[in-house]
C-alpha atoms as a PDB file:
ATOM      1  CA  MET A   1     158.125  44.558  17.289  1.00  0.00           C
ATOM      2  CA  SER A   2     158.118  42.362  14.406  1.00  0.00           C
ATOM      3  CA  THR A   3     162.111  41.749  13.179  1.00  0.00           C
ATOM      4  CA  VAL A   4     162.551  42.603   9.369  1.00  0.00           C
ATOM      5  CA  ILE A   5     164.696  39.873   7.494  1.00  0.00           C
ATOM      6  CA  PRO A   6     166.881  40.513   4.764  1.00  0.00           C
ATOM      7  CA  LEU A   7     166.955  39.086   1.300  1.00  0.00           C
ATOM      8  CA  MET A   8     170.469  38.139   1.712  1.00  0.00           C
ATOM      9  CA  ALA A   9     169.831  36.066   4.889  1.00  0.00           C
ATOM     10  CA  LYS A  10     166.684  34.199   3.163  1.00  0.00           C
ATOM     11  CA  ARG A  11     169.407  33.230   0.476  1.00  0.00           C
ATOM     12  CA  LEU A  12     171.818  32.152   2.478  1.00  0.00           C
ATOM     13  CA  GLN A  13     169.633  30.095   4.710  1.00  0.00           C
ATOM     14  CA  SER A  14     171.729  26.678   4.818  1.00  0.00           C
ATOM     15  CA  PHE A  15     168.914  24.587   6.904  1.00  0.00           C
ATOM     16  CA  ASN A  16     165.372  23.191   5.952  1.00  0.00           C
ATOM     17  CA  SER A  17     164.116  24.034   9.389  1.00  0.00           C
ATOM     18  CA  VAL A  18     165.156  25.296  12.713  1.00  0.00           C
ATOM     19  CA  ALA A  19     164.716  22.016  14.034  1.00  0.00           C
ATOM     20  CA  GLU A  20     167.503  20.379  11.624  1.00  0.00           C
ATOM     21  CA  PHE A  21     169.756  23.147  12.502  1.00  0.00           C
ATOM     22  CA  ASN A  22     169.463  23.042  16.249  1.00  0.00           C
ATOM     23  CA  GLN A  23     170.151  19.235  15.912  1.00  0.00           C
ATOM     24  CA  ASN A  24     173.377  20.055  13.317  1.00  0.00           C
ATOM     25  CA  MET A  25     174.474  22.401  16.365  1.00  0.00           C
ATOM     26  CA  ASN A  26     174.488  19.859  19.254  1.00  0.00           C
ATOM     27  CA  TYR A  27     176.689  17.517  17.356  1.00  0.00           C
ATOM     28  CA  HIS A  28     178.923  20.765  16.575  1.00  0.00           C
ATOM     29  CA  TYR A  29     178.888  21.882  20.052  1.00  0.00           C
ATOM     30  CA  THR A  30     179.702  18.308  21.562  1.00  0.00           C
ATOM     31  CA  ASN A  31     182.699  18.526  18.895  1.00  0.00           C
ATOM     32  CA  ILE A  32     184.007  21.759  20.579  1.00  0.00           C
ATOM     33  CA  LYS A  33     182.770  21.996  23.926  1.00  0.00           C
ATOM     34  CA  ASP A  34     186.084  21.065  25.417  1.00  0.00           C
ATOM     35  CA  THR A  35     188.149  23.619  23.757  1.00  0.00           C
ATOM     36  CA  LEU A  36     185.120  26.656  24.412  1.00  0.00           C
ATOM     37  CA  THR A  37     186.127  29.432  26.753  1.00  0.00           C
ATOM     38  CA  LYS A  38     183.059  30.655  28.312  1.00  0.00           C
ATOM     39  CA  SER A  39     183.310  34.067  26.531  1.00  0.00           C
ATOM     40  CA  TYR A  40     183.296  31.901  23.387  1.00  0.00           C
ATOM     41  CA  ASP A  41     180.523  29.956  24.636  1.00  0.00           C
ATOM     42  CA  LYS A  42     178.518  32.619  25.260  1.00  0.00           C
ATOM     43  CA  VAL A  43     179.199  34.328  21.966  1.00  0.00           C
ATOM     44  CA  PHE A  44     178.290  30.494  20.071  1.00  0.00           C
ATOM     45  CA  PHE A  45     174.427  30.415  21.883  1.00  0.00           C
ATOM     46  CA  GLU A  46     174.021  34.086  21.197  1.00  0.00           C
ATOM     47  CA  MET A  47     174.628  33.410  17.658  1.00  0.00           C
ATOM     48  CA  LYS A  48     172.655  30.236  17.841  1.00  0.00           C
ATOM     49  CA  LYS A  49     169.855  32.348  19.215  1.00  0.00           C
ATOM     50  CA  HIS A  50     169.599  34.757  16.481  1.00  0.00           C
ATOM     51  CA  ALA A  51     169.976  32.717  13.570  1.00  0.00           C
ATOM     52  CA  CYS A  52     167.075  30.625  15.017  1.00  0.00           C
ATOM     53  CA  LYS A  53     164.984  33.515  12.690  1.00  0.00           C
ATOM     54  CA  VAL A  54     166.076  31.700   9.054  1.00  0.00           C
ATOM     55  CA  ALA A  55     167.320  28.483   9.838  1.00  0.00           C
ATOM     56  CA  GLY A  56     171.132  28.588  10.086  1.00  0.00           C
ATOM     57  CA  VAL A  57     172.231  32.034   9.382  1.00  0.00           C
ATOM     58  CA  CYS A  58     172.911  34.881  11.865  1.00  0.00           C
ATOM     59  CA  TRP A  59     173.358  38.621  10.870  1.00  0.00           C
ATOM     60  CA  LEU A  60     174.069  40.199  13.799  1.00  0.00           C
ATOM     61  CA  LYS A  61     176.691  43.213  14.360  1.00  0.00           C
ATOM     62  CA  GLN A  62     179.934  42.061  16.049  1.00  0.00           C
ATOM     63  CA  SER A  63     179.121  45.143  18.428  1.00  0.00           C
ATOM     64  CA  THR A  64     176.234  43.695  19.262  1.00  0.00           C
ATOM     65  CA  ILE A  65     177.236  40.399  20.125  1.00  0.00           C
ATOM     66  CA  ALA A  66     179.067  42.174  22.331  1.00  0.00           C
ATOM     67  CA  ASP A  67     176.969  44.367  24.234  1.00  0.00           C
ATOM     68  CA  ARG A  68     174.390  41.248  24.511  1.00  0.00           C
ATOM     69  CA  THR A  69     177.050  38.901  26.087  1.00  0.00           C
ATOM     70  CA  LYS A  70     178.612  41.350  27.941  1.00  0.00           C
ATOM     71  CA  VAL A  71     182.417  40.234  26.469  1.00  0.00           C
ATOM     72  CA  SER A  72     184.650  42.781  24.226  1.00  0.00           C
ATOM     73  CA  LEU A  73     184.653  42.850  20.945  1.00  0.00           C
ATOM     74  CA  PRO A  74     188.251  41.441  20.538  1.00  0.00           C
ATOM     75  CA  THR A  75     186.743  38.587  22.153  1.00  0.00           C
ATOM     76  CA  VAL A  76     183.861  38.227  19.816  1.00  0.00           C
ATOM     77  CA  GLU A  77     186.113  38.221  16.673  1.00  0.00           C
ATOM     78  CA  ARG A  78     187.942  35.862  18.346  1.00  0.00           C
ATOM     79  CA  ALA A  79     185.492  33.597  18.780  1.00  0.00           C
ATOM     80  CA  ILE A  80     184.238  34.083  15.375  1.00  0.00           C
ATOM     81  CA  LYS A  81     187.941  33.320  13.789  1.00  0.00           C
ATOM     82  CA  PHE A  82     187.617  29.911  16.445  1.00  0.00           C
ATOM     83  CA  LEU A  83     183.811  28.804  15.325  1.00  0.00           C
ATOM     84  CA  VAL A  84     185.117  29.683  11.626  1.00  0.00           C
ATOM     85  CA  ASN A  85     188.390  27.431  12.088  1.00  0.00           C
ATOM     86  CA  ASN A  86     186.257  24.874  13.604  1.00  0.00           C
ATOM     87  CA  GLY A  87     184.104  24.434  10.759  1.00  0.00           C
ATOM     88  CA  VAL A  88     181.178  25.845  12.496  1.00  0.00           C
ATOM     89  CA  ILE A  89     179.816  29.022  10.742  1.00  0.00           C
ATOM     90  CA  LYS A  90     180.974  30.619   7.599  1.00  0.00           C
ATOM     91  CA  VAL A  91     181.572  34.445   7.269  1.00  0.00           C
ATOM     92  CA  VAL A  92     179.881  36.017   4.091  1.00  0.00           C
ATOM     93  CA  HIS A  93     180.529  39.764   3.327  1.00  0.00           C
ATOM     94  CA  THR A  94     178.411  41.751   1.313  1.00  0.00           C
ATOM     95  CA  LYS A  95     179.442  45.152  -0.586  1.00  0.00           C
ATOM     96  CA  ARG A  96     176.982  48.360  -0.985  1.00  0.00           C
ATOM     97  CA  LYS A  97     176.043  49.955  -3.681  1.00  0.00           C
ATOM     98  CA  ASN A  98     178.910  52.533  -3.170  1.00  0.00           C
ATOM     99  CA  GLY A  99     181.704  49.812  -2.755  1.00  0.00           C
ATOM    100  CA  LEU A 100     181.715  49.897   0.832  1.00  0.00           C
ATOM    101  CA  ASN A 101     181.524  47.274   3.488  1.00  0.00           C
ATOM    102  CA  GLY A 102     178.383  45.807   4.094  1.00  0.00           C
ATOM    103  CA  ALA A 103     176.310  43.739   6.445  1.00  0.00           C
ATOM    104  CA  ALA A 104     178.649  40.327   7.283  1.00  0.00           C
ATOM    105  CA  TYR A 105     176.449  37.295   7.630  1.00  0.00           C
ATOM    106  CA  TYR A 106     177.430  34.003   9.733  1.00  0.00           C
ATOM    107  CA  VAL A 107     175.988  31.159   8.012  1.00  0.00           C
ATOM    108  CA  PHE A 108     176.065  28.109  10.213  1.00  0.00           C
ATOM    109  CA  GLN A 109     177.220  24.776   8.483  1.00  0.00           C
ATOM    110  CA  PRO A 110     175.901  21.515   8.624  1.00  0.00           C
ATOM    111  CA  TYR A 111     177.894  18.885  10.696  1.00  0.00           C
ATOM    112  CA  ASP A 112     179.352  16.069   8.677  1.00  0.00           C
ATOM    113  CA  LEU A 113     178.102  13.413  10.448  1.00  0.00           C
ATOM    114  CA  GLU A 114     179.125  10.704   7.837  1.00  0.00           C
ATOM    115  CA  ALA A 115     183.105  11.826   8.943  1.00  0.00           C
ATOM    116  CA  GLU A 116     182.509  11.536  12.348  1.00  0.00           C
ATOM    117  CA  GLU A 117     181.055   8.447  11.963  1.00  0.00           C
ATOM    118  CA  ILE A 118     184.274   7.415   9.586  1.00  0.00           C
ATOM    119  CA  ILE A 119     187.153   8.682  12.254  1.00  0.00           C
ATOM    120  CA  ASP A 120     185.409   6.630  15.231  1.00  0.00           C
ATOM    121  CA  TYR A 121     185.267   3.615  12.821  1.00  0.00           C
ATOM    122  CA  ILE A 122     189.109   3.949  12.186  1.00  0.00           C
ATOM    123  CA  GLU A 123     190.120   4.554  15.940  1.00  0.00           C
ATOM    124  CA  GLU A 124     187.922   1.996  17.100  1.00  0.00           C
ATOM    125  CA  VAL A 125     189.998  -0.732  14.441  1.00  0.00           C
ATOM    126  CA  ALA A 126     192.894   0.790  14.880  1.00  0.00           C
ATOM    127  CA  ALA A 127     192.922   0.134  18.899  1.00  0.00           C
ATOM    128  CA  GLU A 128     191.782  -3.320  18.453  1.00  0.00           C
ATOM    129  CA  VAL A 129     194.614  -4.235  15.900  1.00  0.00           C
ATOM    130  CA  ALA A 130     196.870  -2.730  18.481  1.00  0.00           C
ATOM    131  CA  GLU A 131     195.417  -4.701  21.517  1.00  0.00           C
ATOM    132  CA  LEU A 132     195.726  -7.686  19.008  1.00  0.00           C
ATOM    133  CA  GLN A 133     199.543  -6.857  18.438  1.00  0.00           C
ATOM    134  CA  ASN A 134     199.930  -6.188  22.002  1.00  0.00           C
ATOM    135  CA  ASP A 135     198.407  -9.677  23.023  1.00  0.00           C
ATOM    136  CA  GLY A 136     200.353 -11.561  20.038  1.00  0.00           C
ATOM    137  CA  ALA A 137     203.284 -10.241  21.037  1.00  0.00           C
ATOM    138  CA  SER A 138     203.164 -11.179  24.628  1.00  0.00           C
ATOM    139  CA  GLU A 139     202.265 -14.669  24.048  1.00  0.00           C
ATOM    140  CA  VAL A 140     204.357 -15.519  21.032  1.00  0.00           C
ATOM    141  CA  GLY A 141     207.012 -17.225  22.671  1.00  0.00           C
ATOM    142  CA  GLN A 142     204.701 -19.580  24.010  1.00  0.00           C
ATOM    143  CA  ALA A 143     202.975 -20.243  20.575  1.00  0.00           C
ATOM    144  CA  LEU A 144     206.531 -20.631  19.301  1.00  0.00           C
ATOM    145  CA  VAL A 145     207.337 -22.981  21.869  1.00  0.00           C
ATOM    146  CA  SER A 146     204.363 -25.045  21.121  1.00  0.00           C
ATOM    147  CA  GLN A 147     205.416 -25.564  17.901  1.00  0.00           C
ATOM    148  CA  GLY A 148     208.438 -27.031  18.440  1.00  0.00           C
ATOM    149  CA  ILE A 149     210.571 -23.345  17.412  1.00  0.00           C
ATOM    150  CA  GLU A 150     213.001 -21.732  19.020  1.00  0.00           C
ATOM    151  CA  GLY A 151     212.329 -17.461  18.450  1.00  0.00           C
ATOM    152  CA  THR A 152     215.422 -15.696  17.456  1.00  0.00           C
ATOM    153  CA  LYS A 153     215.853 -11.970  16.982  1.00  0.00           C
ATOM    154  CA  LYS A 154     215.042 -12.994  13.667  1.00  0.00           C
ATOM    155  CA  ASP A 155     211.444 -14.267  14.144  1.00  0.00           C
ATOM    156  CA  VAL A 156     210.887 -10.853  16.233  1.00  0.00           C
ATOM    157  CA  ASN A 157     212.065  -8.659  13.634  1.00  0.00           C
ATOM    158  CA  LEU A 158     209.720 -11.371  10.915  1.00  0.00           C
ATOM    159  CA  LEU A 159     207.115 -11.311  13.495  1.00  0.00           C
ATOM    160  CA  SER A 160     207.155  -6.859  13.371  1.00  0.00           C
ATOM    161  CA  SER A 161     207.059  -7.035   9.802  1.00  0.00           C
ATOM    162  CA  LEU A 162     204.251  -8.976   9.681  1.00  0.00           C
ATOM    163  CA  SER A 163     202.162  -7.125  11.428  1.00  0.00           C
ATOM    164  CA  SER A 164     203.195  -3.927   9.976  1.00  0.00           C
ATOM    165  CA  ASN A 165     203.093  -4.836   6.496  1.00  0.00           C
ATOM    166  CA  PRO A 166     199.802  -5.831   5.098  1.00  0.00           C
ATOM    167  CA  SER A 167     200.901  -7.242   1.743  1.00  0.00           C
ATOM    168  CA  LEU A 168     202.782  -9.428   4.411  1.00  0.00           C
ATOM    169  CA  ASN A 169     200.537 -10.541   6.486  1.00  0.00           C
ATOM    170  CA  PRO A 170     199.328 -14.668   5.901  1.00  0.00           C
ATOM    171  CA  LEU A 171     195.728 -13.536   6.390  1.00  0.00           C
ATOM    172  CA  LYS A 172     193.456 -12.441   3.756  1.00  0.00           C
ATOM    173  CA  GLN A 173     192.065  -8.712   4.154  1.00  0.00           C
ATOM    174  CA  ASP A 174     188.505 -10.079   4.726  1.00  0.00           C
ATOM    175  CA  GLU A 175     189.182 -12.400   7.483  1.00  0.00           C
ATOM    176  CA  LYS A 176     191.221  -9.793   9.390  1.00  0.00           C
ATOM    177  CA  ASP A 177     187.879  -8.045  10.940  1.00  0.00           C
ATOM    178  CA  ASN A 178     187.065 -11.919  12.933  1.00  0.00           C
ATOM    179  CA  ILE A 179     190.293 -12.733  13.579  1.00  0.00           C
ATOM    180  CA  SER A 180     190.829 -14.487  17.261  1.00  0.00           C
ATOM    181  CA  PRO A 181     194.181 -14.110  18.706  1.00  0.00           C
ATOM    182  CA  ALA A 182     194.785 -17.906  18.653  1.00  0.00           C
ATOM    183  CA  ARG A 183     194.233 -17.779  14.781  1.00  0.00           C
ATOM    184  CA  ALA A 184     196.641 -15.267  14.259  1.00  0.00           C
ATOM    185  CA  HIS A 185     199.240 -16.939  16.366  1.00  0.00           C
ATOM    186  CA  GLU A 186     199.098 -20.116  14.589  1.00  0.00           C
ATOM    187  CA  SER A 187     199.016 -18.029  11.277  1.00  0.00           C
ATOM    188  CA  THR A 188     202.492 -16.368  12.486  1.00  0.00           C
ATOM    189  CA  VAL A 189     204.141 -19.307  13.571  1.00  0.00           C
ATOM    190  CA  SER A 190     203.455 -21.086  10.535  1.00  0.00           C
ATOM    191  CA  SER A 191     204.929 -17.935   8.323  1.00  0.00           C
ATOM    192  CA  ILE A 192     207.350 -18.019  10.952  1.00  0.00           C
ATOM    193  CA  SER A 193     207.824 -22.220  10.042  1.00  0.00           C
ATOM    194  CA  LYS A 194     207.512 -21.408   6.057  1.00  0.00           C
ATOM    195  CA  GLU A 195     210.050 -18.759   6.268  1.00  0.00           C
ATOM    196  CA  LYS A 196     212.884 -20.913   8.529  1.00  0.00           C
ATOM    197  CA  GLU A 197     211.921 -23.827   5.978  1.00  0.00           C
ATOM    198  CA  SER A 198     212.789 -21.968   2.616  1.00  0.00           C
ATOM    199  CA  LYS A 199     216.509 -20.490   4.523  1.00  0.00           C
ATOM    200  CA  ASN A 200     216.970 -24.250   5.505  1.00  0.00           C
ATOM    201  CA  LYS A 201     216.227 -25.538   1.679  1.00  0.00           C
ATOM    202  CA  ALA A 202     218.289 -22.600   0.035  1.00  0.00           C
ATOM    203  CA  SER A 203     221.343 -23.463   2.776  1.00  0.00           C
ATOM    204  CA  GLU A 204     220.986 -27.080   1.604  1.00  0.00           C
ATOM    205  CA  LYS A 205     220.894 -26.756  -1.926  1.00  0.00           C
ATOM    206  CA  GLN A 206     224.183 -24.098  -2.189  1.00  0.00           C
ATOM    207  CA  SER A 207     225.815 -26.904   0.332  1.00  0.00           C
ATOM    208  CA  GLN A 208     225.052 -29.565  -2.517  1.00  0.00           C
ATOM    209  CA  GLN A 209     226.187 -27.311  -5.055  1.00  0.00           C
ATOM    210  CA  GLN A 210     229.424 -26.767  -3.288  1.00  0.00           C
ATOM    211  CA  ASN A 211     229.917 -30.233  -2.770  1.00  0.00           C
ATOM    212  CA  THR A 212     229.392 -31.116  -6.468  1.00  0.00           C
ATOM    213  CA  LYS A 213     232.097 -28.813  -7.213  1.00  0.00           C
ATOM    214  CA  LYS A 214     234.729 -30.195  -5.382  1.00  0.00           C
ATOM    215  CA  CYS A 215     233.956 -33.453  -6.682  1.00  0.00           C
ATOM    216  CA  LYS A 216     234.423 -32.158  -9.938  1.00  0.00           C
ATOM    217  CA  LYS A 217     237.901 -30.724  -8.842  1.00  0.00           C
ATOM    218  CA  LYS A 218     239.095 -33.884  -7.428  1.00  0.00           C
ATOM    219  CA  ARG A 219     238.211 -36.149 -10.589  1.00  0.00           C
ATOM    220  CA  LYS A 220     239.938 -34.069 -12.713  1.00  0.00           C
ATOM    221  CA  ARG A 221     243.397 -33.894 -10.485  1.00  0.00           C
ATOM    222  CA  TYR A 222     242.680 -38.313 -10.500  1.00  0.00           C
ATOM    223  CA  SER A 223     243.068 -37.886 -14.394  1.00  0.00           C
ATOM    224  CA  HIS A 224     246.048 -36.232 -14.808  1.00  0.00           C
END
């Protein structure tokens, strides 16, 4: 017996082919399988199987899904809500001509693979940066000593600010991706040295100004 395909299902078709639909569902399933209960898993695959008739659209009644999967109706409702919240499906409600609720269509959504790749890339970069910062922090004392600089609490604070604030980092943005730990240490030590040199010059200048004022006061005394 052939299945009658509703016109609305054809209008809501979300994939060009069943193969494309199955591929996207594999991505979705990989993403949600660790949080799926056994009952939710049954509901997902029952709806997915039915959605192969019109690539990406399921129009089974919730009671029918419950009967086929041998789970309760409230469980089916929770499973559908779970799939909606995780971006797997969208529910399209219809109205009959008399104003009463009509059939509900469950439209499976394409998996946003580009967004997933971006998230994976960001996580990889964050892990590499964290590892680099840990390596640099553990060896910064040796790096400072090798440059003849005695590490202080101020040096540690400066290193922390360089790590957390990109605008203070002496490395250019396009150099960060391929930076080696040795280069990172060298650059950090250089920044600390410059910071100390600048403070020393300011201190010397202030001292000279104070000495100049003292000399002027002595000259005034002698002139009287």
